[in-house]
């Protein structure tokens, strides 16, 4: 079973920054589009940013200009740099390939306070 291990979350004040990291055992990682997803309390999980196998990226409107996703195919890692954080960025963050499958990792909690 493919594993995704997320880390780097924490408690930060509005306007602060965090860098999330994901390591995966996904075979053929370099061929997959990878994404970061967020699940806020009481809400469904949603895509925040994706990076395709050609390194092209897409972001939600709220993430654009503040978040940067990048990947390291040799290390099978995906990183999400988050700046100018807002309280609405609060949630549990997960990485997965895109479009996502069924089994998810534990995620990493990001809490942004005002």
C-alpha atoms as a PDB file:
ATOM      1  CA  UNK A   1       0.000   0.000   0.000  1.00  0.00           C
ATOM      2  CA  UNK A   2       1.327   3.402  -0.966  1.00  0.00           C
ATOM      3  CA  UNK A   3       2.226   5.609   1.958  1.00  0.00           C
ATOM      4  CA  UNK A   4       2.146   9.383   2.246  1.00  0.00           C
ATOM      5  CA  UNK A   5       3.859  10.960   5.258  1.00  0.00           C
ATOM      6  CA  UNK A   6       3.170  14.647   5.818  1.00  0.00           C
ATOM      7  CA  UNK A   7       5.023  16.924   8.226  1.00  0.00           C
ATOM      8  CA  UNK A   8       5.727  20.568   8.966  1.00  0.00           C
ATOM      9  CA  UNK A   9       2.402  21.783  10.249  1.00  0.00           C
ATOM     10  CA  UNK A  10       1.998  23.862  13.363  1.00  0.00           C
ATOM     11  CA  UNK A  11       0.479  26.855  15.052  1.00  0.00           C
ATOM     12  CA  UNK A  12       1.256  30.198  13.455  1.00  0.00           C
ATOM     13  CA  UNK A  13      -0.073  33.714  13.593  1.00  0.00           C
ATOM     14  CA  UNK A  14      -1.817  35.317  10.689  1.00  0.00           C
ATOM     15  CA  UNK A  15       0.760  36.607   8.227  1.00  0.00           C
ATOM     16  CA  UNK A  16       3.256  33.928   9.148  1.00  0.00           C
ATOM     17  CA  UNK A  17       4.768  31.144   7.075  1.00  0.00           C
ATOM     18  CA  UNK A  18       5.031  27.375   7.167  1.00  0.00           C
ATOM     19  CA  UNK A  19       6.626  24.785   4.935  1.00  0.00           C
ATOM     20  CA  UNK A  20       4.932  21.422   4.612  1.00  0.00           C
ATOM     21  CA  UNK A  21       6.771  18.334   3.427  1.00  0.00           C
ATOM     22  CA  UNK A  22       5.514  15.028   2.113  1.00  0.00           C
ATOM     23  CA  UNK A  23       7.423  11.828   1.541  1.00  0.00           C
ATOM     24  CA  UNK A  24       5.829   8.987  -0.358  1.00  0.00           C
ATOM     25  CA  UNK A  25       6.543   5.412  -1.372  1.00  0.00           C
ATOM     26  CA  UNK A  26       4.543   5.865  -4.594  1.00  0.00           C
ATOM     27  CA  UNK A  27       6.088   3.743  -7.365  1.00  0.00           C
ATOM     28  CA  UNK A  28       6.685   5.742 -10.529  1.00  0.00           C
ATOM     29  CA  UNK A  29       6.408   8.947  -8.541  1.00  0.00           C
ATOM     30  CA  UNK A  30       7.934  11.010 -11.311  1.00  0.00           C
ATOM     31  CA  UNK A  31       5.034  10.151 -13.630  1.00  0.00           C
ATOM     32  CA  UNK A  32       2.303  11.336 -11.301  1.00  0.00           C
ATOM     33  CA  UNK A  33       0.777  14.717 -10.770  1.00  0.00           C
ATOM     34  CA  UNK A  34       0.971  15.378  -7.034  1.00  0.00           C
ATOM     35  CA  UNK A  35      -1.203  17.581  -4.900  1.00  0.00           C
ATOM     36  CA  UNK A  36      -1.654  19.124  -1.511  1.00  0.00           C
ATOM     37  CA  UNK A  37      -5.136  19.006  -0.075  1.00  0.00           C
ATOM     38  CA  UNK A  38      -6.757  20.657   2.926  1.00  0.00           C
ATOM     39  CA  UNK A  39      -9.621  19.581   5.106  1.00  0.00           C
ATOM     40  CA  UNK A  40     -10.996  22.306   7.324  1.00  0.00           C
ATOM     41  CA  UNK A  41     -13.171  21.431  10.322  1.00  0.00           C
ATOM     42  CA  UNK A  42     -16.610  20.340   9.197  1.00  0.00           C
ATOM     43  CA  UNK A  43     -15.720  20.616   5.538  1.00  0.00           C
ATOM     44  CA  UNK A  44     -14.792  18.246   2.754  1.00  0.00           C
ATOM     45  CA  UNK A  45     -11.197  17.825   1.694  1.00  0.00           C
ATOM     46  CA  UNK A  46     -10.272  20.177  -1.122  1.00  0.00           C
ATOM     47  CA  UNK A  47      -7.319  20.553  -3.432  1.00  0.00           C
ATOM     48  CA  UNK A  48      -4.994  23.447  -2.641  1.00  0.00           C
ATOM     49  CA  UNK A  49      -2.171  23.025  -5.140  1.00  0.00           C
ATOM     50  CA  UNK A  50      -1.002  20.496  -7.688  1.00  0.00           C
ATOM     51  CA  UNK A  51       2.231  19.955  -9.564  1.00  0.00           C
ATOM     52  CA  UNK A  52       2.258  17.858 -12.696  1.00  0.00           C
ATOM     53  CA  UNK A  53       5.029  15.613 -13.933  1.00  0.00           C
ATOM     54  CA  UNK A  54       6.298  18.419 -16.163  1.00  0.00           C
ATOM     55  CA  UNK A  55       6.523  20.705 -13.079  1.00  0.00           C
ATOM     56  CA  UNK A  56       3.634  22.872 -14.196  1.00  0.00           C
ATOM     57  CA  UNK A  57       1.493  23.985 -11.259  1.00  0.00           C
ATOM     58  CA  UNK A  58      -2.063  24.944 -10.434  1.00  0.00           C
ATOM     59  CA  UNK A  59      -3.390  26.616  -7.324  1.00  0.00           C
ATOM     60  CA  UNK A  60      -6.749  27.480  -5.903  1.00  0.00           C
ATOM     61  CA  UNK A  61      -7.598  31.144  -6.126  1.00  0.00           C
ATOM     62  CA  UNK A  62      -6.951  31.633  -2.415  1.00  0.00           C
ATOM     63  CA  UNK A  63      -3.541  29.958  -2.567  1.00  0.00           C
ATOM     64  CA  UNK A  64      -2.270  31.667  -5.691  1.00  0.00           C
ATOM     65  CA  UNK A  65       0.508  34.119  -4.964  1.00  0.00           C
ATOM     66  CA  UNK A  66       0.955  32.893  -1.391  1.00  0.00           C
ATOM     67  CA  UNK A  67       1.699  29.181  -1.716  1.00  0.00           C
ATOM     68  CA  UNK A  68       4.355  27.431  -3.785  1.00  0.00           C
ATOM     69  CA  UNK A  69       4.412  23.714  -4.520  1.00  0.00           C
ATOM     70  CA  UNK A  70       7.477  21.897  -5.764  1.00  0.00           C
ATOM     71  CA  UNK A  71       8.726  18.362  -6.005  1.00  0.00           C
ATOM     72  CA  UNK A  72      11.908  16.343  -5.868  1.00  0.00           C
ATOM     73  CA  UNK A  73      11.534  13.226  -7.984  1.00  0.00           C
ATOM     74  CA  UNK A  74      14.789  11.681  -6.767  1.00  0.00           C
ATOM     75  CA  UNK A  75      13.648  11.898  -3.141  1.00  0.00           C
ATOM     76  CA  UNK A  76       9.948  11.338  -3.859  1.00  0.00           C
ATOM     77  CA  UNK A  77       8.992  14.422  -1.912  1.00  0.00           C
ATOM     78  CA  UNK A  78       6.476  17.192  -2.428  1.00  0.00           C
ATOM     79  CA  UNK A  79       6.770  20.475  -0.578  1.00  0.00           C
ATOM     80  CA  UNK A  80       4.278  23.256  -0.005  1.00  0.00           C
ATOM     81  CA  UNK A  81       5.661  26.621   1.019  1.00  0.00           C
ATOM     82  CA  UNK A  82       2.959  28.774   2.555  1.00  0.00           C
ATOM     83  CA  UNK A  83       3.370  32.476   3.205  1.00  0.00           C
ATOM     84  CA  UNK A  84       1.057  35.293   4.303  1.00  0.00           C
ATOM     85  CA  UNK A  85      -1.076  32.727   6.083  1.00  0.00           C
ATOM     86  CA  UNK A  86      -4.664  33.556   6.891  1.00  0.00           C
ATOM     87  CA  UNK A  87      -7.035  32.096   9.455  1.00  0.00           C
ATOM     88  CA  UNK A  88      -9.005  30.487   6.628  1.00  0.00           C
ATOM     89  CA  UNK A  89      -5.905  28.411   5.770  1.00  0.00           C
ATOM     90  CA  UNK A  90      -6.477  26.452   8.975  1.00  0.00           C
ATOM     91  CA  UNK A  91      -7.028  22.760   8.423  1.00  0.00           C
ATOM     92  CA  UNK A  92      -5.383  19.401   8.126  1.00  0.00           C
ATOM     93  CA  UNK A  93      -3.141  19.176   5.068  1.00  0.00           C
ATOM     94  CA  UNK A  94      -2.555  16.025   3.087  1.00  0.00           C
ATOM     95  CA  UNK A  95      -0.547  15.127   0.051  1.00  0.00           C
ATOM     96  CA  UNK A  96      -1.637  12.611  -2.555  1.00  0.00           C
ATOM     97  CA  UNK A  97      -1.377  12.062  -6.245  1.00  0.00           C
ATOM     98  CA  UNK A  98      -3.857  13.904  -8.449  1.00  0.00           C
ATOM     99  CA  UNK A  99      -6.562  12.988  -8.916  1.00  0.00           C
ATOM    100  CA  UNK A 100      -6.434  11.335  -5.505  1.00  0.00           C
ATOM    101  CA  UNK A 101      -7.030   7.706  -4.636  1.00  0.00           C
ATOM    102  CA  UNK A 102      -8.682   6.159  -1.631  1.00  0.00           C
ATOM    103  CA  UNK A 103      -5.999   5.770   1.025  1.00  0.00           C
ATOM    104  CA  UNK A 104      -4.676   8.868   2.708  1.00  0.00           C
ATOM    105  CA  UNK A 105      -1.877   9.565   5.147  1.00  0.00           C
ATOM    106  CA  UNK A 106      -2.317  11.111   8.570  1.00  0.00           C
ATOM    107  CA  UNK A 107      -1.883  14.640   7.312  1.00  0.00           C
ATOM    108  CA  UNK A 108      -0.362  17.537   9.210  1.00  0.00           C
ATOM    109  CA  UNK A 109      -2.335  20.145  11.106  1.00  0.00           C
ATOM    110  CA  UNK A 110      -2.005  23.816  10.283  1.00  0.00           C
ATOM    111  CA  UNK A 111      -3.631  26.297  12.633  1.00  0.00           C
ATOM    112  CA  UNK A 112      -3.494  29.996  11.864  1.00  0.00           C
ATOM    113  CA  UNK A 113      -4.526  32.376  14.621  1.00  0.00           C
ATOM    114  CA  UNK A 114      -5.557  35.980  14.241  1.00  0.00           C
END
